[in-house]
Amino acid sequence: MSGQGLEQLVKMVNQISANMHGATDEQAADKVATHLQKFWARPMKEQIIAYATDGGEDLTPISRQAVERLREVRAAVEG
């Protein structure tokens, strides 16, 4: 992983995922993806999606699922 900004994004998405207490992995991934879609700026979303697409080795499993769902939603919206 390169760049301070990307490192911070990975840390943030992993923290958001870790705070989904009481949710199943599927529910947590959905909630995290919704949070990213609503509150992260477009460049942040693009950067985390690109990172996950390139392997995303520092993402937790829930974070990885959430970013994949975010990618799917963005692809559907942008057509």
N, C-alpha and C. Protein backbone atom coordinates (compact mmCIF):
# COMPACT_ATOMS: atom_id res chain seq x y z
N MET A 1 0.85 -1.17 0.00
CA MET A 1 0.00 0.00 0.00
C MET A 1 0.89 1.22 0.00
N SER A 2 0.54 2.18 -0.81
CA SER A 2 1.36 3.38 -0.88
C SER A 2 0.52 4.60 -0.54
N GLY A 3 1.16 5.55 0.07
CA GLY A 3 0.51 6.83 0.33
C GLY A 3 -0.18 6.90 1.67
N GLN A 4 0.06 8.01 2.38
CA GLN A 4 -0.55 8.25 3.68
C GLN A 4 -2.07 8.30 3.57
N GLY A 5 -2.58 8.94 2.51
CA GLY A 5 -4.02 9.06 2.37
C GLY A 5 -4.71 7.71 2.24
N LEU A 6 -4.16 6.84 1.44
CA LEU A 6 -4.74 5.52 1.27
C LEU A 6 -4.67 4.72 2.57
N GLU A 7 -3.55 4.83 3.26
CA GLU A 7 -3.40 4.13 4.54
C GLU A 7 -4.49 4.59 5.51
N GLN A 8 -4.77 5.87 5.53
CA GLN A 8 -5.81 6.42 6.40
C GLN A 8 -7.20 5.92 6.00
N LEU A 9 -7.46 5.83 4.70
CA LEU A 9 -8.76 5.31 4.25
C LEU A 9 -8.96 3.87 4.68
N VAL A 10 -7.92 3.06 4.53
CA VAL A 10 -8.01 1.66 4.94
C VAL A 10 -8.27 1.57 6.44
N LYS A 11 -7.56 2.37 7.20
CA LYS A 11 -7.75 2.39 8.66
C LYS A 11 -9.19 2.77 9.00
N MET A 12 -9.71 3.79 8.32
CA MET A 12 -11.07 4.24 8.61
C MET A 12 -12.11 3.18 8.28
N VAL A 13 -12.03 2.57 7.10
CA VAL A 13 -13.03 1.58 6.74
C VAL A 13 -12.95 0.36 7.66
N ASN A 14 -11.75 -0.01 8.08
CA ASN A 14 -11.61 -1.13 9.02
C ASN A 14 -12.20 -0.77 10.39
N GLN A 15 -12.04 0.48 10.81
CA GLN A 15 -12.63 0.92 12.08
C GLN A 15 -14.15 0.93 12.01
N ILE A 16 -14.69 1.41 10.90
CA ILE A 16 -16.14 1.41 10.73
C ILE A 16 -16.66 -0.02 10.79
N SER A 17 -15.99 -0.93 10.11
CA SER A 17 -16.39 -2.33 10.10
C SER A 17 -16.33 -2.93 11.50
N ALA A 18 -15.30 -2.58 12.25
CA ALA A 18 -15.12 -3.14 13.60
C ALA A 18 -16.21 -2.66 14.56
N ASN A 19 -16.88 -1.57 14.24
CA ASN A 19 -17.90 -1.02 15.12
C ASN A 19 -19.31 -1.50 14.80
N MET A 20 -19.43 -2.54 14.02
CA MET A 20 -20.75 -3.08 13.67
C MET A 20 -21.12 -4.22 14.62
N HIS A 21 -21.11 -3.92 15.90
CA HIS A 21 -21.40 -4.92 16.93
C HIS A 21 -22.83 -5.44 16.80
N GLY A 22 -22.98 -6.73 16.94
CA GLY A 22 -24.30 -7.34 16.93
C GLY A 22 -24.85 -7.63 15.55
N ALA A 23 -24.17 -7.21 14.52
CA ALA A 23 -24.64 -7.45 13.15
C ALA A 23 -23.93 -8.69 12.60
N THR A 24 -24.63 -9.40 11.74
CA THR A 24 -23.96 -10.50 11.03
C THR A 24 -22.95 -9.88 10.07
N ASP A 25 -22.07 -10.70 9.53
CA ASP A 25 -21.10 -10.19 8.56
C ASP A 25 -21.79 -9.55 7.37
N GLU A 26 -22.87 -10.17 6.89
CA GLU A 26 -23.62 -9.64 5.75
C GLU A 26 -24.24 -8.28 6.09
N GLN A 27 -24.86 -8.19 7.26
CA GLN A 27 -25.47 -6.93 7.68
C GLN A 27 -24.42 -5.85 7.86
N ALA A 28 -23.30 -6.23 8.46
CA ALA A 28 -22.22 -5.27 8.70
C ALA A 28 -21.68 -4.74 7.37
N ALA A 29 -21.45 -5.63 6.42
CA ALA A 29 -20.94 -5.21 5.11
C ALA A 29 -21.92 -4.26 4.43
N ASP A 30 -23.22 -4.55 4.52
CA ASP A 30 -24.23 -3.66 3.94
C ASP A 30 -24.20 -2.29 4.60
N LYS A 31 -24.12 -2.26 5.93
CA LYS A 31 -24.12 -1.00 6.66
C LYS A 31 -22.86 -0.18 6.35
N VAL A 32 -21.73 -0.85 6.28
CA VAL A 32 -20.49 -0.14 5.97
C VAL A 32 -20.54 0.42 4.55
N ALA A 33 -21.01 -0.39 3.61
CA ALA A 33 -21.12 0.08 2.22
C ALA A 33 -22.05 1.29 2.13
N THR A 34 -23.15 1.25 2.85
CA THR A 34 -24.09 2.38 2.87
C THR A 34 -23.42 3.62 3.45
N HIS A 35 -22.67 3.44 4.52
CA HIS A 35 -21.96 4.56 5.13
C HIS A 35 -20.97 5.18 4.14
N LEU A 36 -20.20 4.34 3.49
CA LEU A 36 -19.23 4.84 2.53
C LEU A 36 -19.91 5.59 1.39
N GLN A 37 -21.01 5.04 0.90
CA GLN A 37 -21.73 5.67 -0.20
C GLN A 37 -22.27 7.04 0.21
N LYS A 38 -22.79 7.14 1.43
CA LYS A 38 -23.41 8.38 1.89
C LYS A 38 -22.40 9.46 2.30
N PHE A 39 -21.33 9.05 2.96
CA PHE A 39 -20.50 10.03 3.65
C PHE A 39 -19.08 10.22 3.11
N TRP A 40 -18.62 9.32 2.27
CA TRP A 40 -17.27 9.49 1.73
C TRP A 40 -17.32 10.25 0.42
N ALA A 41 -16.35 11.12 0.23
CA ALA A 41 -16.24 11.88 -1.02
C ALA A 41 -15.89 10.93 -2.17
N ARG A 42 -16.29 11.33 -3.36
CA ARG A 42 -16.04 10.51 -4.55
C ARG A 42 -14.57 10.06 -4.68
N PRO A 43 -13.59 10.95 -4.49
CA PRO A 43 -12.20 10.49 -4.62
C PRO A 43 -11.82 9.43 -3.58
N MET A 44 -12.38 9.56 -2.38
CA MET A 44 -12.11 8.56 -1.34
C MET A 44 -12.67 7.20 -1.76
N LYS A 45 -13.90 7.21 -2.28
CA LYS A 45 -14.52 5.96 -2.73
C LYS A 45 -13.73 5.34 -3.88
N GLU A 46 -13.33 6.17 -4.81
CA GLU A 46 -12.57 5.66 -5.96
C GLU A 46 -11.25 5.04 -5.51
N GLN A 47 -10.60 5.69 -4.55
CA GLN A 47 -9.31 5.21 -4.08
C GLN A 47 -9.44 3.88 -3.34
N ILE A 48 -10.46 3.74 -2.47
CA ILE A 48 -10.60 2.50 -1.71
C ILE A 48 -11.06 1.37 -2.63
N ILE A 49 -11.88 1.67 -3.62
CA ILE A 49 -12.30 0.65 -4.58
C ILE A 49 -11.10 0.16 -5.39
N ALA A 50 -10.28 1.09 -5.85
CA ALA A 50 -9.09 0.71 -6.62
C ALA A 50 -8.15 -0.13 -5.77
N TYR A 51 -7.99 0.25 -4.52
CA TYR A 51 -7.12 -0.51 -3.61
C TYR A 51 -7.65 -1.94 -3.43
N ALA A 52 -8.95 -2.07 -3.20
CA ALA A 52 -9.54 -3.40 -3.02
C ALA A 52 -9.42 -4.23 -4.29
N THR A 53 -9.60 -3.60 -5.43
CA THR A 53 -9.50 -4.28 -6.72
C THR A 53 -8.09 -4.81 -6.95
N ASP A 54 -7.10 -4.08 -6.44
CA ASP A 54 -5.70 -4.48 -6.58
C ASP A 54 -5.25 -5.46 -5.50
N GLY A 55 -6.17 -5.98 -4.72
CA GLY A 55 -5.83 -6.97 -3.71
C GLY A 55 -6.30 -6.60 -2.32
N GLY A 56 -6.18 -5.34 -1.96
CA GLY A 56 -6.69 -4.86 -0.68
C GLY A 56 -6.23 -5.66 0.52
N GLU A 57 -4.96 -6.01 0.55
CA GLU A 57 -4.46 -6.93 1.56
C GLU A 57 -4.64 -6.47 3.01
N ASP A 58 -4.78 -5.17 3.25
CA ASP A 58 -4.94 -4.69 4.63
C ASP A 58 -6.40 -4.49 5.04
N LEU A 59 -7.32 -4.78 4.15
CA LEU A 59 -8.74 -4.69 4.50
C LEU A 59 -9.18 -5.94 5.27
N THR A 60 -10.02 -5.73 6.27
CA THR A 60 -10.61 -6.87 6.97
C THR A 60 -11.63 -7.53 6.04
N PRO A 61 -12.02 -8.77 6.32
CA PRO A 61 -13.02 -9.41 5.45
C PRO A 61 -14.32 -8.61 5.29
N ILE A 62 -14.82 -8.04 6.38
CA ILE A 62 -16.06 -7.25 6.28
C ILE A 62 -15.81 -5.99 5.46
N SER A 63 -14.68 -5.36 5.65
CA SER A 63 -14.35 -4.17 4.87
C SER A 63 -14.25 -4.51 3.40
N ARG A 64 -13.64 -5.63 3.10
CA ARG A 64 -13.49 -6.06 1.70
C ARG A 64 -14.88 -6.28 1.07
N GLN A 65 -15.78 -6.94 1.80
CA GLN A 65 -17.15 -7.16 1.30
C GLN A 65 -17.86 -5.83 1.10
N ALA A 66 -17.68 -4.92 2.05
CA ALA A 66 -18.36 -3.62 1.96
C ALA A 66 -17.87 -2.83 0.75
N VAL A 67 -16.58 -2.83 0.51
CA VAL A 67 -16.03 -2.09 -0.63
C VAL A 67 -16.50 -2.73 -1.94
N GLU A 68 -16.59 -4.04 -1.97
CA GLU A 68 -17.12 -4.71 -3.17
C GLU A 68 -18.57 -4.31 -3.42
N ARG A 69 -19.36 -4.24 -2.37
CA ARG A 69 -20.76 -3.80 -2.52
C ARG A 69 -20.82 -2.34 -2.97
N LEU A 70 -19.95 -1.53 -2.43
CA LEU A 70 -19.87 -0.13 -2.86
C LEU A 70 -19.54 -0.06 -4.34
N ARG A 71 -18.60 -0.86 -4.79
CA ARG A 71 -18.21 -0.89 -6.20
C ARG A 71 -19.40 -1.29 -7.06
N GLU A 72 -20.16 -2.29 -6.63
CA GLU A 72 -21.32 -2.76 -7.39
C GLU A 72 -22.38 -1.67 -7.49
N VAL A 73 -22.64 -0.98 -6.39
CA VAL A 73 -23.64 0.09 -6.39
C VAL A 73 -23.21 1.22 -7.32
N ARG A 74 -21.95 1.61 -7.23
CA ARG A 74 -21.44 2.68 -8.09
C ARG A 74 -21.49 2.29 -9.55
N ALA A 75 -21.18 1.04 -9.86
CA ALA A 75 -21.23 0.58 -11.24
C ALA A 75 -22.66 0.62 -11.78
N ALA A 76 -23.63 0.24 -10.95
CA ALA A 76 -25.02 0.24 -11.36
C ALA A 76 -25.53 1.67 -11.58
N VAL A 77 -25.14 2.58 -10.70
CA VAL A 77 -25.58 3.98 -10.78
C VAL A 77 -24.96 4.68 -11.98
N GLU A 78 -23.67 4.40 -12.19
CA GLU A 78 -22.95 5.09 -13.26
C GLU A 78 -23.16 4.43 -14.62
N GLY A 79 -23.73 3.23 -14.57
CA GLY A 79 -24.09 2.53 -15.79
C GLY A 79 -22.97 2.28 -16.69
